[in-house]
Protein backbone atom coordinates (compact mmCIF):
# COMPACT_ATOMS: atom_id res chain seq x y z
CA MET A 1 32.51 254.26 -87.03
CA ALA A 2 33.08 257.79 -88.28
CA ILE A 3 34.74 258.91 -91.49
CA GLN A 4 37.44 261.55 -91.08
CA TYR A 5 37.10 264.43 -93.56
CA ILE A 6 39.78 266.68 -94.98
CA ASP A 7 38.71 269.72 -92.95
CA GLN A 8 39.48 267.75 -89.77
CA ILE A 9 43.18 267.66 -90.64
CA GLU A 10 44.87 270.44 -88.69
CA ASN A 11 47.75 271.33 -90.99
CA LEU A 12 47.94 270.72 -94.73
CA ASN A 13 50.72 273.23 -95.41
CA GLY A 14 53.39 271.53 -97.52
CA LYS A 15 51.77 268.11 -97.16
CA LYS A 16 51.59 265.94 -100.25
CA ILE A 17 48.06 264.69 -100.74
CA PHE A 18 47.05 261.73 -102.92
CA MET A 19 43.45 262.54 -103.89
CA ARG A 20 41.32 259.93 -105.66
CA VAL A 21 38.75 261.70 -107.81
CA ASP A 22 36.35 260.46 -110.46
CA PHE A 23 36.98 262.36 -113.68
CA ASN A 24 35.47 259.63 -115.85
CA VAL A 25 33.71 262.23 -117.98
CA PRO A 26 32.03 261.77 -121.37
CA LEU A 27 34.07 262.74 -124.45
CA ASP A 28 33.08 263.34 -128.06
CA ASP A 29 34.95 261.92 -131.05
CA ASN A 30 37.47 264.78 -130.86
CA GLN A 31 38.28 264.09 -127.20
CA ASN A 32 36.35 267.14 -126.02
CA ILE A 33 34.51 266.87 -122.71
CA THR A 34 30.76 267.05 -123.27
CA GLU A 35 29.70 267.19 -119.61
CA ASP A 36 31.97 268.20 -116.71
CA THR A 37 29.74 267.78 -113.63
CA ARG A 38 32.09 265.24 -112.05
CA ILE A 39 35.03 267.62 -112.33
CA ARG A 40 33.09 270.56 -110.91
CA ALA A 41 31.82 268.41 -108.04
CA VAL A 42 35.34 267.98 -106.63
CA LEU A 43 36.40 271.64 -106.93
CA PRO A 44 35.56 272.48 -103.28
CA THR A 45 37.92 269.77 -101.99
CA ILE A 46 40.71 270.62 -104.42
CA THR A 47 40.54 274.37 -103.73
CA TYR A 48 40.38 273.74 -99.97
CA ALA A 49 43.64 271.81 -100.15
CA LEU A 50 45.36 274.25 -102.51
CA ASP A 51 44.32 277.28 -100.43
CA ARG A 52 46.04 275.64 -97.46
CA LYS A 53 49.25 275.18 -99.47
CA ALA A 54 49.03 271.42 -99.84
CA LYS A 55 50.70 269.65 -102.76
CA VAL A 56 47.84 267.90 -104.56
CA VAL A 57 48.33 264.73 -106.62
CA LEU A 58 45.11 263.73 -108.37
CA ALA A 59 44.34 260.20 -109.54
CA SER A 60 41.42 259.01 -111.64
CA HIS A 61 40.41 256.59 -114.35
CA LEU A 62 38.68 257.36 -117.62
CA GLY A 63 36.84 254.80 -119.71
CA ARG A 64 37.74 251.13 -119.85
CA PRO A 65 41.29 250.70 -121.14
CA LYS A 66 41.38 247.22 -119.54
CA GLY A 67 44.90 247.46 -118.18
CA GLU A 68 46.47 248.78 -121.37
CA ARG A 69 47.79 252.22 -122.26
CA LYS A 70 45.42 253.71 -124.86
CA SER A 71 45.70 257.36 -125.87
CA LYS A 72 41.95 257.82 -126.24
CA TYR A 73 41.63 257.20 -122.50
CA SER A 74 44.27 259.73 -121.47
CA MET A 75 43.44 262.07 -118.60
CA ALA A 76 44.67 265.01 -120.74
CA PRO A 77 41.16 266.45 -121.46
CA ALA A 78 40.31 266.33 -117.74
CA ALA A 79 43.59 268.03 -116.77
CA GLU A 80 42.96 270.77 -119.33
CA ARG A 81 39.38 271.33 -118.17
CA LEU A 82 40.41 271.41 -114.52
CA SER A 83 43.10 273.99 -115.36
CA GLN A 84 40.38 276.18 -116.89
CA LEU A 85 38.08 275.82 -113.89
CA LEU A 86 40.82 276.50 -111.33
CA GLY A 87 42.51 279.26 -113.32
CA LYS A 88 45.72 277.43 -112.49
CA LYS A 89 48.00 275.07 -114.40
CA VAL A 90 47.34 271.41 -113.75
CA THR A 91 50.35 269.39 -114.85
CA LEU A 92 49.55 266.04 -116.44
CA ALA A 93 52.09 263.40 -115.43
CA PRO A 94 53.27 261.02 -118.17
CA ASP A 95 52.22 258.01 -116.08
CA CYS A 96 50.67 257.23 -112.70
CA ILE A 97 53.66 255.39 -111.21
CA GLY A 98 57.40 255.22 -111.86
CA ASP A 99 60.58 257.30 -111.68
CA GLU A 100 59.37 260.11 -113.93
CA VAL A 101 56.25 260.58 -111.81
CA ALA A 102 58.40 260.53 -108.66
CA ARG A 103 60.64 263.28 -110.08
CA LEU A 104 57.59 265.43 -110.85
CA THR A 105 55.98 264.99 -107.44
CA ASP A 106 59.30 265.46 -105.59
CA ALA A 107 59.69 268.84 -107.28
CA MET A 108 56.22 270.05 -106.23
CA GLN A 109 55.90 273.26 -104.24
CA PRO A 110 53.08 274.10 -101.79
CA GLY A 111 49.97 274.96 -103.81
CA ASP A 112 51.02 272.89 -106.86
CA ILE A 113 48.70 270.36 -108.46
CA ILE A 114 49.49 267.37 -110.67
CA MET A 115 47.16 264.91 -112.35
CA LEU A 116 48.41 261.36 -112.78
CA GLU A 117 47.75 259.50 -116.00
CA ASN A 118 44.84 256.99 -116.07
CA VAL A 119 45.24 254.47 -113.23
CA ARG A 120 43.40 251.84 -115.28
CA PHE A 121 46.28 251.73 -117.75
CA TYR A 122 47.59 249.13 -115.27
CA PRO A 123 45.75 245.84 -114.61
CA GLY A 124 46.76 246.17 -110.95
CA GLU A 125 44.18 248.92 -110.47
CA GLU A 126 41.10 246.78 -111.02
CA LYS A 127 42.77 243.78 -109.36
CA ASN A 128 43.27 245.81 -106.16
CA ASP A 129 46.94 244.86 -106.36
CA GLU A 130 48.85 245.83 -103.24
CA GLU A 131 52.19 246.49 -104.97
CA PHE A 132 50.53 248.75 -107.52
CA ALA A 133 48.77 250.56 -104.67
CA ARG A 134 52.10 250.96 -102.86
CA ALA A 135 53.64 252.48 -106.02
CA LEU A 136 50.72 254.92 -106.35
CA ALA A 137 51.10 256.03 -102.74
CA ASP A 138 54.87 256.50 -102.95
CA GLY A 139 55.95 259.86 -101.55
CA CYS A 140 52.49 261.04 -100.49
CA GLU A 141 51.50 261.67 -96.87
CA ILE A 142 47.71 262.02 -96.79
CA TYR A 143 45.07 260.04 -98.69
CA VAL A 144 41.79 261.72 -99.65
CA ASN A 145 38.93 259.84 -101.30
CA ASP A 146 36.55 262.20 -103.06
CA ALA A 147 35.42 259.67 -105.66
CA PHE A 148 32.10 258.36 -104.39
CA ALA A 149 31.18 257.00 -107.83
CA VAL A 150 33.97 254.37 -107.68
CA SER A 151 33.79 253.62 -103.96
CA HIS A 152 31.77 250.47 -104.60
CA ARG A 153 34.87 249.05 -106.28
CA ALA A 154 37.68 247.38 -104.33
CA HIS A 155 40.30 248.86 -106.63
CA ALA A 156 43.91 249.69 -105.80
CA SER A 157 43.47 253.48 -105.76
CA VAL A 158 40.32 253.16 -103.64
CA GLU A 159 40.89 250.31 -101.20
CA ALA A 160 44.39 248.77 -101.12
CA ILE A 161 46.13 252.15 -101.20
CA THR A 162 44.78 253.12 -97.78
CA ARG A 163 47.14 250.57 -96.19
CA PHE A 164 50.09 252.83 -97.04
CA PHE A 165 48.90 256.07 -95.45
CA PRO A 166 48.96 257.11 -91.80
CA VAL A 167 46.19 259.62 -92.53
CA VAL A 168 43.13 258.55 -94.55
CA THR A 169 40.31 261.02 -95.15
CA ALA A 170 37.42 261.86 -97.45
CA GLY A 171 36.60 265.05 -99.33
CA PHE A 172 33.56 267.30 -99.35
CA LEU A 173 31.86 265.51 -102.25
CA MET A 174 31.98 262.29 -100.27
CA LYS A 175 30.68 264.15 -97.22
CA ASN A 176 27.68 265.42 -99.19
CA GLU A 177 26.93 261.95 -100.56
CA MET A 178 27.00 260.37 -97.12
CA THR A 179 24.96 263.19 -95.55
CA TYR A 180 22.12 262.81 -98.05
CA PHE A 181 22.12 259.03 -97.91
CA GLU A 182 21.80 259.32 -94.16
CA LYS A 183 18.65 261.37 -94.75
CA VAL A 184 17.19 258.64 -96.96
CA MET A 185 18.37 255.42 -95.38
CA THR A 186 18.71 256.04 -91.66
CA ASN A 187 16.06 258.49 -90.51
CA PRO A 188 14.04 259.74 -93.50
CA VAL A 189 11.31 262.33 -93.26
CA ARG A 190 8.19 260.49 -94.38
CA PRO A 191 6.43 259.75 -96.63
CA LEU A 192 9.51 258.41 -98.45
CA VAL A 193 8.97 257.71 -102.15
CA ALA A 194 11.40 255.79 -104.36
CA ILE A 195 11.26 256.16 -108.15
CA LEU A 196 13.07 253.50 -110.15
CA GLY A 197 13.43 253.35 -113.91
CA GLY A 198 15.87 252.18 -116.53
CA ALA A 199 15.88 249.16 -118.75
CA LYS A 200 16.11 246.05 -116.60
CA VAL A 201 14.81 244.63 -113.36
CA SER A 202 17.90 242.43 -113.03
CA GLY A 203 20.19 245.33 -112.12
CA LYS A 204 17.84 246.55 -109.41
CA LEU A 205 16.39 243.46 -107.77
CA GLU A 206 18.35 243.85 -104.55
CA VAL A 207 17.53 247.55 -104.48
CA LEU A 208 13.83 246.79 -104.78
CA GLU A 209 13.94 244.19 -102.03
CA SER A 210 15.83 246.59 -99.77
CA LEU A 211 13.45 249.47 -100.52
CA CYS A 212 10.49 247.28 -99.61
CA THR A 213 11.73 247.47 -96.01
CA LYS A 214 12.27 251.24 -96.00
CA VAL A 215 9.95 253.26 -98.23
CA ASP A 216 6.26 254.17 -98.23
CA LYS A 217 5.77 254.17 -102.02
CA ILE A 218 7.64 252.72 -105.00
CA ILE A 219 7.10 254.12 -108.50
CA ILE A 220 8.37 252.01 -111.40
CA GLY A 221 8.96 253.29 -114.95
CA GLY A 222 11.24 252.57 -117.86
CA GLY A 223 11.73 249.21 -119.53
CA MET A 224 11.83 247.42 -116.18
CA ALA A 225 8.12 248.18 -115.65
CA PHE A 226 7.08 245.72 -118.34
CA THR A 227 8.46 242.68 -116.56
CA PHE A 228 6.16 243.60 -113.66
CA LEU A 229 3.24 244.32 -115.98
CA LYS A 230 3.64 240.94 -117.67
CA ALA A 231 3.86 239.27 -114.27
CA LEU A 232 0.42 240.77 -113.59
CA GLY A 233 -0.97 239.15 -116.75
CA ASN A 234 -0.70 242.00 -119.27
CA ASN A 235 0.22 241.38 -122.90
CA VAL A 236 3.03 243.89 -123.44
CA GLY A 237 3.77 243.20 -127.10
CA LYS A 238 7.47 243.41 -127.95
CA SER A 239 8.30 245.57 -124.95
CA LEU A 240 11.42 244.66 -123.00
CA VAL A 241 10.66 241.78 -120.62
CA GLU A 242 13.06 239.61 -118.62
CA GLU A 243 11.10 236.39 -118.82
CA GLU A 244 13.31 234.62 -116.28
CA LEU A 245 12.47 237.29 -113.69
CA ILE A 246 8.68 237.27 -113.97
CA ASP A 247 8.30 235.09 -110.86
CA THR A 248 10.80 237.31 -109.02
CA ALA A 249 8.87 240.43 -110.04
CA MET A 250 5.71 238.85 -108.64
CA ARG A 251 7.54 238.12 -105.39
CA VAL A 252 8.55 241.79 -105.09
CA LEU A 253 4.97 242.86 -105.76
CA ASN A 254 3.70 240.50 -103.05
CA MET A 255 6.37 241.68 -100.64
CA SER A 256 5.31 245.30 -101.12
CA ARG A 257 1.65 244.39 -100.55
CA GLU A 258 2.49 242.48 -97.38
CA ARG A 259 4.40 245.48 -96.02
CA GLY A 260 1.70 247.97 -96.98
CA ILE A 261 3.87 249.75 -99.53
CA LYS A 262 2.12 251.44 -102.43
CA PHE A 263 3.63 249.97 -105.62
CA LEU A 264 2.84 252.02 -108.72
CA LEU A 265 3.29 250.91 -112.32
CA PRO A 266 2.51 252.77 -115.58
CA VAL A 267 -1.10 252.79 -116.73
CA ASP A 268 -0.33 253.98 -120.25
CA CYS A 269 2.71 254.21 -122.51
CA VAL A 270 4.15 255.54 -125.73
CA VAL A 271 4.51 252.60 -128.10
CA ALA A 272 6.49 252.34 -131.33
CA ASP A 273 6.45 249.94 -134.27
CA ARG A 274 10.26 249.65 -133.99
CA PHE A 275 13.16 250.83 -131.86
CA SER A 276 14.05 253.94 -133.84
CA ALA A 277 13.94 257.72 -133.43
CA ASP A 278 11.69 257.98 -136.51
CA ALA A 279 9.40 255.07 -135.64
CA GLU A 280 5.63 255.37 -135.87
CA THR A 281 4.31 256.04 -132.36
CA LYS A 282 1.03 256.22 -130.46
CA ILE A 283 -0.21 256.24 -126.87
CA THR A 284 -2.05 253.20 -125.52
CA THR A 285 -3.05 251.81 -122.16
CA VAL A 286 -0.73 249.10 -120.85
CA GLN A 287 -3.50 246.56 -121.53
CA GLU A 288 -3.73 247.52 -125.22
CA ILE A 289 -0.16 247.41 -126.48
CA PRO A 290 -0.28 246.00 -130.04
CA GLN A 291 1.34 242.59 -130.40
CA ASP A 292 4.15 243.75 -132.70
CA TRP A 293 4.80 247.11 -130.99
CA MET A 294 7.03 248.03 -128.07
CA ALA A 295 6.60 250.52 -125.24
CA LEU A 296 9.47 253.03 -125.01
CA ASP A 297 8.13 255.68 -122.62
CA ILE A 298 5.45 256.21 -120.02
CA GLY A 299 2.34 258.04 -121.19
CA PRO A 300 0.58 261.20 -119.91
CA ALA A 301 -1.83 259.35 -117.62
CA SER A 302 1.12 257.62 -115.94
CA VAL A 303 2.89 260.96 -115.52
CA LYS A 304 -0.20 262.38 -113.82
CA LEU A 305 -0.61 259.30 -111.60
CA PHE A 306 3.04 259.38 -110.53
CA SER A 307 3.10 263.17 -110.08
CA ASP A 308 -0.01 263.06 -107.88
CA GLU A 309 1.65 260.41 -105.70
CA LEU A 310 4.59 262.77 -105.12
CA LYS A 311 2.44 265.59 -103.76
CA ASP A 312 2.51 264.41 -100.14
CA ALA A 313 6.11 263.14 -100.27
CA GLU A 314 8.65 264.52 -97.81
CA THR A 315 11.62 262.59 -99.23
CA ILE A 316 12.06 261.41 -102.84
CA VAL A 317 14.90 259.26 -104.17
CA TRP A 318 15.10 258.62 -107.92
CA ASN A 319 17.28 256.34 -110.04
CA GLY A 320 16.63 255.55 -113.70
CA PRO A 321 14.74 257.26 -116.56
CA MET A 322 11.11 256.60 -117.46
CA GLY A 323 11.82 255.81 -121.10
CA VAL A 324 14.37 255.98 -123.91
CA PHE A 325 14.83 259.70 -123.28
CA GLU A 326 17.85 259.90 -125.61
CA MET A 327 15.29 259.87 -128.46
CA ASP A 328 12.97 262.89 -128.52
CA ALA A 329 9.91 260.78 -129.33
CA PHE A 330 10.34 258.89 -126.04
CA ALA A 331 11.68 261.64 -123.76
CA LYS A 332 8.55 263.40 -122.54
CA GLY A 333 7.77 260.98 -119.71
CA THR A 334 11.23 261.34 -118.19
CA PHE A 335 11.33 265.13 -118.52
CA ASP A 336 7.80 265.51 -117.12
CA MET A 337 8.89 263.45 -114.11
CA VAL A 338 12.00 265.64 -113.77
CA SER A 339 9.66 268.63 -113.48
CA ALA A 340 7.40 266.85 -110.99
CA VAL A 341 10.34 265.93 -108.75
CA ALA A 342 11.93 269.38 -109.09
CA ASP A 343 8.65 271.12 -108.18
CA SER A 344 8.19 269.00 -105.07
CA SER A 345 8.78 270.56 -101.65
CA ALA A 346 10.34 267.25 -100.52
CA ILE A 347 14.01 266.49 -100.01
CA THR A 348 14.91 265.20 -103.48
CA ILE A 349 17.91 262.97 -104.20
CA VAL A 350 18.71 261.88 -107.75
CA GLY A 351 21.38 259.35 -108.66
CA GLY A 352 22.61 257.31 -111.57
CA GLY A 353 24.27 258.58 -114.73
CA ASP A 354 21.19 258.58 -116.97
CA THR A 355 18.97 260.24 -114.38
CA ASP A 356 21.60 262.89 -113.71
CA VAL A 357 21.82 263.63 -117.44
CA ALA A 358 18.02 263.87 -117.69
CA VAL A 359 17.86 266.37 -114.82
CA GLN A 360 20.65 268.47 -116.36
CA ARG A 361 19.03 268.43 -119.80
CA GLY A 362 15.68 269.27 -118.27
CA GLY A 363 17.19 272.45 -116.81
CA GLN A 364 16.02 271.55 -113.31
CA ALA A 365 19.28 270.68 -111.56
CA SER A 366 19.18 273.76 -109.31
CA LYS A 367 15.81 272.65 -107.90
CA ILE A 368 16.99 269.17 -106.85
CA SER A 369 18.24 268.90 -103.26
CA TYR A 370 21.13 266.65 -104.23
CA ILE A 371 22.35 264.99 -107.42
CA SER A 372 24.61 262.07 -106.65
CA THR A 373 27.70 261.51 -108.78
CA GLY A 374 27.37 257.75 -108.37
CA GLY A 375 25.58 255.18 -110.51
CA GLY A 376 26.57 251.75 -109.24
CA ALA A 377 27.66 253.19 -105.90
CA PHE A 378 24.31 254.96 -105.53
CA LEU A 379 22.41 251.71 -106.14
CA GLU A 380 24.58 249.66 -103.80
CA LEU A 381 24.04 252.13 -100.96
CA LEU A 382 20.29 251.93 -101.62
CA GLU A 383 20.63 248.16 -101.31
CA GLY A 384 22.15 248.69 -97.89
CA LYS A 385 25.57 247.36 -98.89
CA LYS A 386 28.81 248.49 -97.28
CA LEU A 387 30.96 249.92 -100.06
CA PRO A 388 34.65 248.92 -99.97
CA GLY A 389 35.80 252.52 -100.38
CA ILE A 390 33.52 253.71 -97.57
CA LYS A 391 34.38 250.80 -95.28
CA VAL A 392 38.12 251.59 -95.29
CA LEU A 393 37.41 255.27 -94.66
CA GLU A 394 35.38 254.34 -91.61
CA GLU A 395 38.00 251.91 -90.33
CA LYS A 396 40.88 254.34 -90.80
CA GLY A 397 38.89 257.28 -89.53
CA THR A 398 38.45 255.69 -86.13
CA LYS A 399 42.17 255.07 -85.57
């Protein structure tokens, strides 16, 4: 089943488009956007529609208002930033449904753009409520999903809403996401290397089991590595370990061995006497972590081991940092791996919010083949799951 994309629609002139985007951007205490990658990522789709004189109605969520109207989660900062990027006024609607919104959208002229207020101000959004979805769709003619990062959610503005449109399409961001996942999951150029990091094994068990059927090498860093290291009999001190998953970690290790997959774990680490930016630190092998210390980053020998294993890679997919990179004392492992991946001649695909931030901070974004906007959606595609938002696009695209 094929997804229909916005550039396959013959005539957008005067058509009112409901476009689901993901402008869930980070804000500081003064409601200023600190990182606008997700807004910039959708600009090609928005400008394509505006250039063809469509009337564009944008919908997004921001934060977790839990079905209540909270001013700190208003879409106002996103509307203002988008206005700056487009060089064009983006009107912020006072709500996302209702008579006042209808009056605004009815008055739109070709080439106008409106941003609806946060769809998660209503509990119907996360409940995938059909009546809420119907109210969102009211008056619009074409649905465009360009919000890959929320497409693993069966939410009203992602899934239920498609029932009320004769034309359901995806934008260019979605097209890029699906194109690069095709390169990884369907017919990858080998060797294919997966790098997984982050804090816990529990969030990535299904990913690991899926990757064991697809990749040639798996590299593990971050806090999750220490559950595997303990499963192998190492004393890891006070490092993060999910005791209830030690047997599961051993099963994944055995599965990789049985399938001939190279499974690489850290050989050294940066340890600290406490979880603090000003903690006392030192580098030890993974076998020599002091009893009362914790590992918070991979060490230089691990970086070299992992980097060497990337040299023959033709495709690299990476999700999750190698340590607590938000603290300078434990950031070197992650940033060294950013450089190793960026310097590779392989197709490189990076996903997950923390990994994306690390690549941006490392100044290497331009050298990565593709940086996914999705965290949970990225992981679920790696697991081989069919995302609700993608499934409806495929079903509607074939009609």
